[in-house]
N, C-alpha and C. Protein backbone atom coordinates (compact mmCIF):
# COMPACT_ATOMS: atom_id res chain seq x y z
N MET A 1 86.45 33.76 134.02
CA MET A 1 85.59 33.98 132.93
C MET A 1 85.25 35.07 132.62
N ASN A 2 85.56 35.66 131.01
CA ASN A 2 85.08 37.20 130.72
C ASN A 2 83.79 37.22 130.20
N HIS A 3 83.38 38.21 130.90
CA HIS A 3 81.63 38.47 130.33
C HIS A 3 81.93 39.75 129.53
N ARG A 4 81.75 39.84 128.10
CA ARG A 4 81.92 40.76 127.10
C ARG A 4 80.08 41.41 126.76
N ARG A 5 79.86 42.62 126.95
CA ARG A 5 78.66 42.78 126.92
C ARG A 5 78.51 43.38 125.31
N HIS A 6 77.48 43.02 124.81
CA HIS A 6 77.44 43.14 123.43
C HIS A 6 76.26 44.58 123.52
N HIS A 7 76.38 45.67 122.95
CA HIS A 7 75.75 46.75 122.86
C HIS A 7 74.81 47.01 121.03
N ALA A 8 73.85 46.83 121.15
CA ALA A 8 72.75 46.91 119.49
C ALA A 8 73.98 48.21 119.23
N PRO A 9 74.04 48.55 117.75
CA PRO A 9 74.27 49.82 117.01
C PRO A 9 73.37 50.84 117.69
N VAL A 10 73.35 52.25 117.31
CA VAL A 10 72.26 52.74 117.76
C VAL A 10 71.65 53.98 116.25
N ASN A 11 70.86 53.64 115.09
CA ASN A 11 70.42 54.34 114.46
C ASN A 11 70.41 56.01 114.77
N GLY A 12 70.68 56.73 113.77
CA GLY A 12 70.14 58.13 114.14
C GLY A 12 70.85 58.56 112.80
N PHE A 13 70.28 59.95 112.45
CA PHE A 13 70.24 61.38 111.43
C PHE A 13 72.09 61.54 111.81
N THR A 14 72.60 61.67 111.10
CA THR A 14 74.11 62.51 111.09
C THR A 14 73.93 64.21 110.81
N LEU A 15 74.81 64.44 111.53
CA LEU A 15 74.36 66.54 111.33
C LEU A 15 73.80 66.79 109.74
N ILE A 16 74.81 65.89 109.19
CA ILE A 16 74.50 66.50 107.50
C ILE A 16 73.22 65.85 107.11
N GLU A 17 72.87 64.56 107.43
CA GLU A 17 71.38 64.17 107.24
C GLU A 17 70.49 65.36 107.52
N LEU A 18 70.86 65.80 108.85
CA LEU A 18 69.27 66.39 109.59
C LEU A 18 69.58 67.94 108.59
N LEU A 19 70.83 68.22 108.24
CA LEU A 19 70.82 69.51 107.26
C LEU A 19 70.22 69.38 105.94
N VAL A 20 70.37 68.27 105.39
CA VAL A 20 69.75 68.16 103.83
C VAL A 20 68.28 67.88 104.40
N VAL A 21 67.79 67.64 105.63
CA VAL A 21 66.32 67.25 105.64
C VAL A 21 65.65 69.05 105.74
N ILE A 22 66.58 69.29 106.53
CA ILE A 22 65.92 70.78 106.87
C ILE A 22 65.65 71.55 105.61
N SER A 23 67.06 71.25 104.90
CA SER A 23 67.48 72.15 103.37
C SER A 23 65.80 71.73 102.88
N ILE A 24 65.70 70.46 102.53
CA ILE A 24 64.12 70.58 101.72
C ILE A 24 63.10 70.50 102.05
N ILE A 25 63.24 70.95 103.20
CA ILE A 25 61.79 71.34 103.96
C ILE A 25 61.56 73.04 103.67
N ALA A 26 62.53 73.53 104.00
CA ALA A 26 62.63 74.95 103.71
C ALA A 26 62.62 75.24 102.23
N LEU A 27 62.95 74.60 101.25
CA LEU A 27 62.71 74.34 99.54
C LEU A 27 60.89 74.28 99.71
N LEU A 28 60.65 73.57 99.78
CA LEU A 28 59.46 73.04 99.98
C LEU A 28 58.18 74.07 100.49
N ILE A 29 58.70 74.70 101.99
CA ILE A 29 58.19 76.08 102.30
C ILE A 29 57.84 76.85 100.96
N SER A 30 59.12 77.17 100.70
CA SER A 30 59.33 78.51 99.87
C SER A 30 58.65 78.12 98.55
N ILE A 31 58.22 77.23 97.95
CA ILE A 31 57.57 76.96 97.09
C ILE A 31 55.90 76.63 97.33
N LEU A 32 55.54 76.48 98.36
CA LEU A 32 53.89 76.16 98.67
C LEU A 32 53.72 77.60 99.06
N LEU A 33 54.41 78.60 99.87
CA LEU A 33 53.48 79.59 100.21
C LEU A 33 53.20 80.40 99.33
N PRO A 34 53.89 80.71 98.03
CA PRO A 34 53.40 81.68 97.04
C PRO A 34 52.13 81.01 96.83
N ALA A 35 52.13 79.66 96.64
CA ALA A 35 51.32 79.17 95.66
C ALA A 35 49.51 79.73 96.83
N LEU A 36 50.00 78.96 98.07
CA LEU A 36 48.97 79.20 99.12
C LEU A 36 48.44 80.97 99.11
N GLY A 37 49.38 81.71 99.30
CA GLY A 37 49.08 83.04 99.32
C GLY A 37 48.06 83.85 98.14
N LYS A 38 48.67 83.17 97.01
CA LYS A 38 47.92 83.64 95.48
C LYS A 38 46.31 82.54 95.85
N ALA A 39 46.11 81.57 96.10
CA ALA A 39 44.65 80.88 96.49
C ALA A 39 44.31 81.68 97.09
N ARG A 40 45.06 82.30 98.23
CA ARG A 40 43.94 83.01 99.15
C ARG A 40 43.23 84.30 98.40
N LYS A 41 44.18 84.74 97.63
CA LYS A 41 43.78 86.24 97.32
C LYS A 41 43.07 86.02 96.11
N THR A 42 42.71 84.62 95.51
CA THR A 42 41.90 84.50 94.26
C THR A 42 40.55 83.99 95.09
N ALA A 43 40.41 83.66 96.35
CA ALA A 43 39.13 83.62 96.40
C ALA A 43 39.12 84.42 97.42
N ASN A 44 39.76 85.64 97.91
CA ASN A 44 39.23 86.82 98.35
C ASN A 44 38.45 87.80 97.09
N ALA A 45 38.87 87.39 96.01
CA ALA A 45 38.07 88.72 94.74
C ALA A 45 37.46 87.63 94.32
N LEU A 46 37.02 86.50 94.92
CA LEU A 46 35.77 85.72 94.37
C LEU A 46 34.43 86.40 94.89
N LYS A 47 35.00 86.28 96.69
CA LYS A 47 34.08 87.02 97.28
C LYS A 47 33.53 88.34 96.79
N CYS A 48 34.82 89.20 96.76
CA CYS A 48 34.47 90.53 96.50
C CYS A 48 33.65 90.67 95.34
N ALA A 49 33.83 89.97 94.33
CA ALA A 49 33.17 90.01 93.34
C ALA A 49 31.27 89.90 93.54
N ASN A 50 31.04 88.74 94.64
CA ASN A 50 29.84 88.09 94.97
C ASN A 50 29.15 89.57 95.64
N LEU A 51 30.07 89.84 95.86
CA LEU A 51 29.52 91.33 97.20
C LEU A 51 29.07 92.27 96.09
N LEU A 52 29.65 92.68 94.85
CA LEU A 52 29.70 93.67 94.02
C LEU A 52 28.24 93.35 93.00
N ARG A 53 28.23 91.86 92.62
CA ARG A 53 27.18 91.51 92.23
C ARG A 53 25.76 91.94 92.76
N SER A 54 25.66 91.60 94.00
CA SER A 54 24.71 91.85 95.50
C SER A 54 24.61 92.96 95.02
N MET A 55 25.45 94.11 95.33
CA MET A 55 25.05 95.66 95.18
C MET A 55 24.62 96.05 93.83
N GLY A 56 24.71 95.09 92.45
CA GLY A 56 24.47 95.57 91.18
C GLY A 56 22.60 95.05 91.06
N LEU A 57 22.45 93.69 91.52
CA LEU A 57 21.33 93.11 91.98
C LEU A 57 20.61 94.18 92.42
N ALA A 58 20.66 95.00 93.63
CA ALA A 58 19.91 95.97 94.88
C ALA A 58 19.47 97.05 93.95
N ASN A 59 20.39 97.27 93.00
CA ASN A 59 20.10 98.11 92.01
C ASN A 59 18.86 97.77 90.85
N VAL A 60 19.18 96.78 90.71
CA VAL A 60 17.99 96.62 89.61
C VAL A 60 16.68 96.70 90.54
N MET A 61 16.51 96.01 91.70
CA MET A 61 15.03 96.11 92.41
C MET A 61 15.03 97.25 92.61
N TYR A 62 16.01 98.15 92.91
CA TYR A 62 16.00 99.89 93.23
C TYR A 62 15.07 100.35 92.04
N SER A 63 15.26 100.07 90.76
CA SER A 63 15.08 100.60 89.67
C SER A 63 13.43 99.81 89.33
N SER A 64 12.89 98.71 89.88
CA SER A 64 11.56 98.65 89.60
C SER A 64 10.72 99.28 90.58
N ASP A 65 10.73 100.19 91.42
CA ASP A 65 10.23 100.60 92.33
C ASP A 65 10.02 102.13 92.05
N PHE A 66 11.19 102.45 91.51
CA PHE A 66 11.44 104.02 90.97
C PHE A 66 11.52 104.28 89.25
N LYS A 67 10.40 103.54 88.82
CA LYS A 67 10.00 104.36 87.97
C LYS A 67 11.26 103.65 86.45
N ASP A 68 11.80 102.77 86.59
CA ASP A 68 12.75 102.34 85.77
C ASP A 68 14.00 103.38 86.23
N TRP A 69 14.18 104.07 86.93
CA TRP A 69 15.97 104.88 87.28
C TRP A 69 16.72 104.17 87.80
N ALA A 70 17.71 104.17 87.98
CA ALA A 70 18.62 103.52 88.21
C ALA A 70 19.53 104.62 89.22
N ALA A 71 19.53 103.57 90.76
CA ALA A 71 20.03 104.53 91.95
C ALA A 71 21.09 105.54 91.34
N PRO A 72 20.70 107.26 91.93
CA PRO A 72 21.90 107.78 90.85
C PRO A 72 23.12 107.84 91.87
N ASN A 73 24.24 108.31 91.40
CA ASN A 73 25.50 108.42 91.79
C ASN A 73 25.41 109.36 92.88
N TRP A 74 24.50 110.48 92.88
CA TRP A 74 24.45 111.42 94.47
C TRP A 74 22.77 112.16 94.00
N TRP A 75 22.29 112.43 95.29
CA TRP A 75 20.93 112.96 95.67
C TRP A 75 20.72 113.92 96.59
N ARG A 76 20.14 115.19 96.50
CA ARG A 76 19.43 115.75 97.45
C ARG A 76 18.09 115.83 97.50
N GLU A 77 17.86 116.35 98.65
CA GLU A 77 16.00 115.80 99.25
C GLU A 77 15.41 116.77 98.70
N SER A 78 16.43 117.95 98.55
CA SER A 78 15.58 119.15 97.38
C SER A 78 16.96 119.78 96.78
N SER A 79 16.37 121.21 96.20
CA SER A 79 17.37 121.58 95.18
C SER A 79 17.94 122.69 95.89
N THR A 80 17.79 122.77 97.05
CA THR A 80 18.31 124.08 97.71
C THR A 80 19.36 123.08 98.97
N ALA A 81 18.95 121.96 99.67
CA ALA A 81 19.82 121.02 100.61
C ALA A 81 21.30 121.07 100.36
N SER A 82 21.97 121.41 101.29
CA SER A 82 23.63 121.40 101.38
C SER A 82 24.00 119.91 101.23
N LYS A 83 23.22 118.95 102.14
CA LYS A 83 23.83 117.53 102.26
C LYS A 83 23.26 116.45 101.06
N ARG A 84 24.50 115.89 100.87
CA ARG A 84 24.31 115.10 99.61
C ARG A 84 24.23 113.67 100.12
N TYR A 85 23.46 112.63 99.59
CA TYR A 85 23.51 111.12 99.76
C TYR A 85 24.13 111.00 98.55
N PHE A 86 24.81 109.35 98.41
CA PHE A 86 25.54 108.76 97.59
C PHE A 86 24.95 107.35 97.47
N PHE A 87 25.17 107.00 96.12
CA PHE A 87 24.49 105.38 96.16
C PHE A 87 24.72 104.79 96.95
N LEU A 88 26.26 104.81 97.93
CA LEU A 88 26.48 103.66 99.08
C LEU A 88 25.92 104.11 100.66
N THR A 89 25.08 105.20 100.65
CA THR A 89 24.48 105.80 101.63
C THR A 89 23.22 105.83 101.14
N ASN A 90 22.73 105.12 100.46
CA ASN A 90 21.29 105.64 99.57
C ASN A 90 20.43 104.26 100.53
N SER A 91 19.46 104.64 101.33
CA SER A 91 18.60 104.14 102.11
C SER A 91 17.91 103.01 101.29
N GLY A 92 17.61 103.34 99.69
CA GLY A 92 16.51 102.71 99.27
C GLY A 92 17.69 101.08 98.52
N ILE A 93 19.22 101.36 98.76
CA ILE A 93 20.03 100.36 98.58
C ILE A 93 20.39 99.73 99.82
N HIS A 94 19.97 100.01 100.46
CA HIS A 94 20.52 99.30 102.00
C HIS A 94 19.24 98.29 102.15
N ASP A 95 17.91 99.09 101.87
CA ASP A 95 16.77 97.87 102.02
C ASP A 95 17.29 96.58 101.13
N ARG A 96 17.21 96.93 100.19
CA ARG A 96 17.39 95.52 99.19
C ARG A 96 18.69 94.79 99.49
N LEU A 97 19.47 95.43 100.11
CA LEU A 97 20.70 94.34 100.60
C LEU A 97 20.25 94.26 101.91
N SER A 98 19.02 94.12 102.72
CA SER A 98 18.54 93.75 104.07
C SER A 98 20.03 94.54 105.19
N LEU A 99 20.42 95.41 104.81
CA LEU A 99 21.63 96.12 105.95
C LEU A 99 21.01 97.22 106.39
N THR A 100 21.52 97.47 107.51
CA THR A 100 20.92 98.26 108.71
C THR A 100 22.24 99.08 109.06
N PRO A 101 22.96 100.16 107.96
CA PRO A 101 24.05 100.52 108.19
C PRO A 101 24.17 101.78 109.41
N THR A 102 25.45 102.12 110.04
CA THR A 102 25.25 103.03 111.20
C THR A 102 25.90 104.36 110.28
N ASP A 103 25.99 105.54 111.44
CA ASP A 103 26.43 106.69 110.21
C ASP A 103 26.09 107.11 109.42
N TYR A 104 24.99 107.31 109.79
CA TYR A 104 23.87 107.42 108.32
C TYR A 104 24.22 107.18 106.95
N GLY A 105 24.29 105.54 107.27
CA GLY A 105 24.41 105.01 105.97
C GLY A 105 25.76 104.25 105.62
N ALA A 106 26.58 105.41 106.37
CA ALA A 106 27.92 105.15 105.48
C ALA A 106 29.07 103.89 106.29
N ARG A 107 28.42 103.57 107.27
CA ARG A 107 29.21 102.54 107.81
C ARG A 107 28.99 101.12 107.94
N TRP A 108 29.29 99.75 107.11
CA TRP A 108 28.23 99.05 106.77
C TRP A 108 28.83 97.86 107.63
N SER A 109 28.17 96.56 107.36
CA SER A 109 28.83 95.38 108.06
C SER A 109 30.14 95.10 107.34
N HIS A 110 30.97 94.13 108.48
CA HIS A 110 32.26 94.49 107.88
C HIS A 110 32.18 92.94 106.69
N SER A 111 31.24 92.36 107.02
CA SER A 111 31.23 90.68 106.04
C SER A 111 30.81 91.79 104.49
N PHE A 112 30.25 93.05 104.47
CA PHE A 112 30.57 93.34 103.17
C PHE A 112 31.24 94.13 102.53
N ALA A 113 32.39 93.94 102.89
CA ALA A 113 33.80 94.44 102.39
C ALA A 113 34.90 93.50 101.86
N CYS A 114 35.58 94.18 100.88
CA CYS A 114 36.34 93.48 100.10
C CYS A 114 37.12 93.09 100.61
N PRO A 115 37.90 91.22 101.30
CA PRO A 115 38.74 91.15 101.63
C PRO A 115 40.06 91.59 102.05
N GLU A 116 40.40 91.70 100.55
CA GLU A 116 41.76 92.25 100.20
C GLU A 116 41.57 93.95 100.31
N ALA A 117 40.75 94.50 100.57
CA ALA A 117 40.58 96.11 100.88
C ALA A 117 41.50 96.27 102.33
N SER A 118 42.51 97.36 102.27
CA SER A 118 43.32 97.78 103.61
C SER A 118 42.85 98.20 104.63
N ALA A 119 41.49 98.89 104.35
CA ALA A 119 40.95 99.82 105.21
C ALA A 119 40.46 98.56 106.60
N LEU A 120 40.20 97.56 105.99
CA LEU A 120 40.13 96.60 107.27
C LEU A 120 40.80 96.60 108.23
N ASN A 121 42.01 96.65 108.06
CA ASN A 121 43.44 96.87 108.88
C ASN A 121 43.61 98.09 109.50
N ASN A 122 42.59 99.24 109.17
CA ASN A 122 42.94 100.67 109.64
C ASN A 122 41.68 101.13 110.55
N SER A 123 42.30 101.76 111.55
CA SER A 123 41.29 101.79 112.70
C SER A 123 40.48 103.40 112.34
N THR A 124 41.22 103.96 111.08
CA THR A 124 40.42 105.35 110.69
C THR A 124 39.52 104.92 109.93
N TRP A 125 39.43 103.63 109.56
CA TRP A 125 38.09 103.44 108.64
C TRP A 125 37.20 101.98 109.14
N THR A 126 37.78 101.48 110.28
CA THR A 126 37.07 99.96 110.52
C THR A 126 36.83 100.37 112.10
N ASN A 127 35.90 99.79 112.62
CA ASN A 127 35.67 99.39 114.18
C ASN A 127 34.82 98.57 114.42
N SER A 128 34.38 98.28 115.49
CA SER A 128 33.15 97.42 115.90
C SER A 128 32.24 97.34 115.48
N ASP A 129 31.72 98.75 114.77
CA ASP A 129 30.27 99.21 114.53
C ASP A 129 30.32 98.55 112.64
N GLY A 130 31.43 98.45 112.18
CA GLY A 130 31.48 98.34 111.07
C GLY A 130 32.58 99.13 109.85
N ILE A 131 32.53 99.05 108.78
CA ILE A 131 33.64 99.61 107.89
C ILE A 131 32.89 100.75 107.11
N LEU A 132 33.79 101.79 106.80
CA LEU A 132 33.35 103.13 106.36
C LEU A 132 33.11 102.68 104.83
N ILE A 133 32.38 102.10 104.24
CA ILE A 133 32.24 101.65 102.78
C ILE A 133 32.82 102.08 101.84
N ARG A 134 32.49 103.63 101.70
CA ARG A 134 33.52 104.22 101.00
C ARG A 134 34.88 104.16 100.85
N SER A 135 35.59 103.63 101.92
CA SER A 135 37.02 103.21 101.47
C SER A 135 37.37 102.01 100.77
N VAL A 136 35.65 101.17 100.10
CA VAL A 136 36.07 99.52 100.03
C VAL A 136 35.86 100.01 98.47
N TYR A 137 34.48 100.39 97.84
CA TYR A 137 33.88 100.21 96.85
C TYR A 137 33.13 101.43 96.43
N GLY A 138 33.30 101.93 95.12
CA GLY A 138 32.77 103.19 94.37
C GLY A 138 32.04 103.03 93.33
N HIS A 139 31.03 103.85 93.08
CA HIS A 139 29.90 103.81 91.96
C HIS A 139 30.42 104.63 91.07
N ASN A 140 30.49 104.66 89.63
CA ASN A 140 30.56 105.28 88.59
C ASN A 140 29.90 106.63 88.66
N TYR A 141 30.66 107.93 88.79
CA TYR A 141 30.18 108.96 89.38
C TYR A 141 29.27 109.16 87.66
N HIS A 142 29.90 108.73 86.63
CA HIS A 142 29.24 109.16 85.58
C HIS A 142 27.80 108.69 85.12
N VAL A 143 27.17 108.03 86.31
CA VAL A 143 25.93 107.79 86.12
C VAL A 143 24.51 108.70 86.03
N GLY A 144 25.24 109.69 86.79
CA GLY A 144 24.51 110.75 86.91
C GLY A 144 23.92 110.71 88.20
N SER A 145 23.10 112.01 88.78
CA SER A 145 22.53 112.68 89.95
C SER A 145 21.08 113.35 89.89
N PHE A 146 20.70 113.53 91.03
CA PHE A 146 19.04 113.74 90.93
C PHE A 146 19.07 114.97 91.61
N ARG A 147 18.47 116.07 91.65
CA ARG A 147 18.01 117.37 92.55
C ARG A 147 16.55 117.52 92.49
N GLY A 148 15.76 117.44 93.13
CA GLY A 148 14.44 117.71 93.38
C GLY A 148 13.70 117.75 95.06
N SER A 149 12.60 117.54 94.95
CA SER A 149 11.80 118.05 96.28
C SER A 149 11.96 116.65 96.68
N ASP A 150 11.97 115.50 95.97
CA ASP A 150 11.74 113.86 96.85
C ASP A 150 12.62 113.21 96.11
N SER A 151 12.83 111.85 96.82
CA SER A 151 13.74 111.02 96.37
C SER A 151 13.10 109.64 95.44
N ASN A 152 11.62 109.95 94.65
CA ASN A 152 11.28 108.97 94.12
C ASN A 152 10.91 109.35 92.61
N TRP A 153 11.89 110.42 92.33
CA TRP A 153 11.94 110.56 90.80
C TRP A 153 10.42 111.09 90.17
N SER A 154 9.95 111.67 91.12
CA SER A 154 8.29 112.53 90.31
C SER A 154 8.44 113.67 90.29
N THR A 155 9.17 114.40 91.14
CA THR A 155 9.98 115.80 90.51
C THR A 155 11.03 115.96 90.86
N GLY A 156 11.89 117.29 90.40
CA GLY A 156 13.05 117.36 90.00
C GLY A 156 13.85 117.22 88.99
N THR A 157 15.42 117.53 88.94
CA THR A 157 15.80 117.41 88.00
C THR A 157 17.01 116.60 88.07
N ILE A 158 16.88 115.60 86.88
CA ILE A 158 17.35 114.40 87.09
C ILE A 158 18.61 113.95 85.86
N SER A 159 19.76 113.73 85.84
CA SER A 159 20.35 113.62 84.78
C SER A 159 21.17 112.15 85.02
N GLY A 160 20.12 111.30 85.72
CA GLY A 160 20.69 109.69 85.75
C GLY A 160 20.18 109.25 84.44
N LEU A 161 19.88 107.96 84.43
CA LEU A 161 19.97 106.71 83.29
C LEU A 161 18.91 105.60 84.13
N LYS A 162 17.70 105.57 82.92
CA LYS A 162 17.16 104.36 83.34
C LYS A 162 17.78 103.27 82.53
N PHE A 163 17.02 101.99 83.18
CA PHE A 163 17.63 100.62 82.84
C PHE A 163 17.44 100.82 81.37
N SER A 164 15.98 100.92 81.17
CA SER A 164 15.20 100.51 79.52
C SER A 164 16.05 101.01 78.53
N GLU A 165 16.71 102.27 78.85
CA GLU A 165 16.90 103.43 77.63
C GLU A 165 18.89 103.09 78.09
N LEU A 166 19.35 102.35 78.66
CA LEU A 166 20.67 102.00 78.79
C LEU A 166 21.29 101.36 77.52
N LEU A 167 21.78 101.52 76.60
CA LEU A 167 22.53 100.66 75.42
C LEU A 167 23.78 100.29 76.08
N GLU A 168 23.56 98.75 75.77
CA GLU A 168 24.60 98.10 75.58
C GLU A 168 25.29 97.72 77.05
N PRO A 169 24.41 97.55 78.31
CA PRO A 169 24.66 97.31 79.48
C PRO A 169 25.49 96.29 79.79
N SER A 170 26.10 95.56 78.71
CA SER A 170 27.28 94.73 79.34
C SER A 170 28.12 95.39 79.00
N LYS A 171 28.62 96.67 78.99
CA LYS A 171 29.40 96.98 78.54
C LYS A 171 29.60 98.46 79.53
N LYS A 172 28.98 98.55 80.24
CA LYS A 172 28.95 99.98 80.99
C LYS A 172 29.23 99.77 82.34
N LEU A 173 29.89 100.44 83.09
CA LEU A 173 30.38 99.88 84.71
C LEU A 173 29.57 100.08 85.33
N ASN A 174 28.78 99.70 86.40
CA ASN A 174 28.19 100.06 87.68
C ASN A 174 28.62 100.46 88.89
N LEU A 175 29.51 99.52 89.52
CA LEU A 175 30.32 99.55 90.57
C LEU A 175 31.76 98.98 90.46
N SER A 176 32.56 99.69 91.53
CA SER A 176 33.83 98.51 91.46
C SER A 176 34.65 98.93 92.88
N ASP A 177 35.05 98.16 92.85
CA ASP A 177 36.70 98.30 93.77
C ASP A 177 36.74 99.97 94.07
N GLY A 178 36.75 100.58 95.29
CA GLY A 178 37.64 101.79 94.82
C GLY A 178 37.74 102.42 96.28
N LEU A 179 38.58 103.67 96.28
CA LEU A 179 38.99 104.28 97.47
C LEU A 179 38.49 105.31 97.75
N ASP A 180 37.18 105.50 97.00
CA ASP A 180 36.18 106.77 97.30
C ASP A 180 34.58 106.23 96.79
N GLN A 181 33.76 106.52 97.45
CA GLN A 181 32.14 106.14 96.94
C GLN A 181 31.65 106.75 95.59
N GLN A 182 32.59 107.61 95.34
CA GLN A 182 32.41 108.08 94.00
C GLN A 182 33.59 107.85 92.70
N ILE A 183 33.51 107.11 92.12
CA ILE A 183 34.80 106.84 90.78
C ILE A 183 34.69 107.19 89.58
N GLY A 184 35.62 107.31 88.80
CA GLY A 184 35.48 108.13 87.25
C GLY A 184 36.66 107.66 86.60
N TYR A 185 36.50 107.35 85.04
CA TYR A 185 37.23 107.29 84.33
C TYR A 185 38.91 108.26 84.20
N THR A 186 38.85 109.31 84.40
CA THR A 186 40.01 110.74 84.84
C THR A 186 40.57 110.02 85.95
N TYR A 187 40.62 109.35 86.99
CA TYR A 187 40.84 109.23 87.84
C TYR A 187 41.96 107.52 88.27
N ILE A 188 41.71 106.72 86.98
CA ILE A 188 42.36 105.35 87.01
C ILE A 188 43.72 105.47 87.09
N SER A 189 44.39 106.54 86.46
CA SER A 189 46.07 106.38 86.83
C SER A 189 46.31 107.13 88.35
N SER A 190 45.63 107.93 88.80
CA SER A 190 45.73 108.32 90.67
C SER A 190 46.38 107.25 91.29
N TYR A 191 45.40 105.70 91.07
CA TYR A 191 45.55 104.86 91.82
C TYR A 191 47.28 104.29 91.68
N ILE A 192 48.04 104.19 93.37
CA ILE A 192 48.99 103.76 92.93
C ILE A 192 49.37 102.55 94.14
N ALA A 193 48.74 103.07 95.47
CA ALA A 193 48.31 101.69 96.46
C ALA A 193 46.98 102.09 97.05
N ASP A 194 46.35 100.72 97.79
CA ASP A 194 45.30 100.51 98.28
C ASP A 194 45.54 101.41 99.90
N THR A 195 45.15 102.92 99.28
CA THR A 195 45.04 103.71 100.69
C THR A 195 44.16 104.50 100.38
N PRO A 196 42.79 104.48 101.25
CA PRO A 196 42.14 105.68 101.41
C PRO A 196 42.28 106.74 102.00
N GLN A 197 41.50 108.08 101.94
CA GLN A 197 40.99 108.23 100.77
C GLN A 197 40.82 108.88 99.56
N GLN A 198 41.30 108.27 98.40
CA GLN A 198 41.92 109.07 96.99
C GLN A 198 40.76 109.33 95.98
N ASN A 199 40.36 110.62 96.45
CA ASN A 199 39.18 111.04 95.64
C ASN A 199 38.74 110.56 94.33
N ASN A 200 37.98 110.04 94.35
CA ASN A 200 37.28 109.26 92.45
C ASN A 200 38.34 108.00 92.09
N THR A 201 39.04 107.47 92.93
CA THR A 201 40.13 106.55 92.10
C THR A 201 39.44 105.23 92.62
N PRO A 202 39.45 104.41 91.31
CA PRO A 202 39.20 102.86 91.57
C PRO A 202 40.16 102.51 92.08
N ALA A 203 39.72 101.02 92.80
CA ALA A 203 41.21 100.49 93.64
C ALA A 203 41.38 99.30 92.83
N PHE A 204 42.64 99.14 92.19
CA PHE A 204 42.74 98.25 91.78
C PHE A 204 44.06 97.41 92.93
N ARG A 205 43.37 96.33 93.57
CA ARG A 205 43.47 96.07 94.88
C ARG A 205 44.32 94.24 94.68
N HIS A 206 43.72 93.82 93.04
CA HIS A 206 43.31 92.38 93.36
C HIS A 206 45.01 91.89 92.58
N LEU A 207 44.85 90.84 92.46
CA LEU A 207 46.31 90.44 91.98
C LEU A 207 46.37 90.87 90.15
N GLY A 208 47.56 91.10 89.68
CA GLY A 208 47.64 91.71 88.94
C GLY A 208 47.05 92.96 88.73
N THR A 209 47.08 93.84 89.60
CA THR A 209 46.80 95.47 89.42
C THR A 209 45.60 95.46 88.69
N THR A 210 44.39 94.41 89.24
CA THR A 210 42.88 94.10 88.37
C THR A 210 42.01 94.87 90.18
N HIS A 211 41.02 95.51 89.30
CA HIS A 211 39.54 95.42 90.31
C HIS A 211 38.61 94.54 89.66
N ASN A 212 37.68 94.26 90.79
CA ASN A 212 36.46 93.81 89.86
C ASN A 212 35.48 95.24 90.03
N ALA A 213 34.58 94.56 89.07
CA ALA A 213 33.71 95.75 88.42
C ALA A 213 32.15 94.97 88.00
N VAL A 214 30.85 95.31 88.54
CA VAL A 214 29.80 95.13 88.03
C VAL A 214 29.22 95.89 87.42
N PHE A 215 28.74 95.33 86.05
CA PHE A 215 28.42 96.23 84.63
C PHE A 215 26.50 95.95 85.07
N PHE A 216 26.09 97.10 84.32
CA PHE A 216 24.50 97.17 84.56
C PHE A 216 23.71 95.68 83.87
N ASP A 217 24.63 94.75 83.05
CA ASP A 217 23.73 93.65 83.19
C ASP A 217 23.87 92.41 84.38
N GLN A 218 24.45 92.99 85.49
CA GLN A 218 24.53 92.27 86.43
C GLN A 218 26.24 91.25 86.21
N HIS A 219 26.42 91.28 85.32
CA HIS A 219 28.07 90.53 85.22
C HIS A 219 29.13 90.95 86.03
N VAL A 220 30.20 89.92 86.51
CA VAL A 220 31.38 90.92 87.13
C VAL A 220 32.68 90.82 86.56
N SER A 221 33.31 91.48 86.14
CA SER A 221 34.98 91.30 85.37
C SER A 221 35.83 91.79 86.26
N ARG A 222 36.99 91.09 86.25
CA ARG A 222 38.05 91.38 86.72
C ARG A 222 38.50 91.52 85.99
N ILE A 223 39.22 93.56 85.82
CA ILE A 223 39.90 94.13 84.44
C ILE A 223 41.16 94.61 85.38
N SER A 224 41.90 94.87 84.14
CA SER A 224 43.47 95.54 84.85
C SER A 224 43.42 96.90 84.73
N GLN A 225 44.17 97.50 85.26
CA GLN A 225 44.52 98.75 85.57
C GLN A 225 45.03 99.36 84.20
N GLU A 226 45.39 98.93 83.27
CA GLU A 226 45.98 98.80 82.11
C GLU A 226 44.37 99.34 81.13
N ASP A 227 43.92 97.90 81.23
CA ASP A 227 42.52 97.94 80.33
C ASP A 227 41.37 98.54 80.55
N SER A 228 41.46 99.12 81.90
CA SER A 228 40.57 100.15 82.06
C SER A 228 40.78 101.23 81.16
N LEU A 229 42.12 101.82 81.06
CA LEU A 229 42.72 103.09 80.78
C LEU A 229 42.56 103.04 79.25
N ALA A 230 42.71 102.01 78.49
CA ALA A 230 42.23 101.74 77.05
C ALA A 230 40.88 101.67 76.75
N ASP A 231 40.03 101.69 77.74
CA ASP A 231 38.62 101.37 77.21
C ASP A 231 37.66 102.28 78.34
N PRO A 232 37.28 103.88 77.35
CA PRO A 232 36.74 104.77 78.34
C PRO A 232 35.17 104.92 77.81
N ASP A 233 34.73 104.18 76.90
CA ASP A 233 33.63 103.76 76.97
C ASP A 233 32.92 103.12 77.96
N MET A 234 33.49 102.66 78.68
CA MET A 234 32.73 101.54 79.42
C MET A 234 32.37 102.13 80.84
N TRP A 235 33.10 103.29 81.14
CA TRP A 235 32.44 104.40 82.11
C TRP A 235 31.74 105.55 81.75
N TYR A 236 31.46 105.51 80.36
CA TYR A 236 30.86 106.89 80.01
C TYR A 236 29.44 106.55 79.63
N PHE A 237 28.15 107.49 79.49
CA PHE A 237 27.06 106.94 78.81
C PHE A 237 27.10 107.97 77.76
N ASN A 238 26.29 107.53 76.84
CA ASN A 238 25.57 108.39 75.68
C ASN A 238 24.37 109.40 76.02
């Protein structure tokens, strides 16, 4: 008597089917990755905008204690002092941001850095103590300066501005992404890549070659390099 064994058919993918599946997965990844990258950059730009807004508000609080004067672009403790202090190293701004920076106020917590700033990944600019904030943000140097015997605006030579005398504050730039602690209109074209330290240069590090900027009415806008060049009045004060 013959006994025949019956084997159930084995179900599986053929080589061609596997290649088709792999190709579809690769195609989906190629479609999704750019979208995910764009979403990440958009989220980073939003965080950066919020950080700049907080600096703008700190400037408003500063002015309420200093006779309506906005924090200067730079100042000296006396008319003959050689050391200059800048907006980003101004202890009056630090206090209002609840910051305790190191390196004479120049190195801030990493949490205050724009996530898109290349300096975050460069040991020249960042370490365990924080990041040199001048590699991340810059203050409009057209705001003006102060020279005197003290820092409370009671004496000295002032070429700064008062909030109450500022015309069209919504159109005047205060701070923005930058590659130096001082930034200005004539250096807009100098930006090529996000590489500190480029003197007085705004950083157009966000999507579409744009930078975040906080204005004197505390609103934040993302502005392209081209539009920044086309609007010098945004930078200068009457």
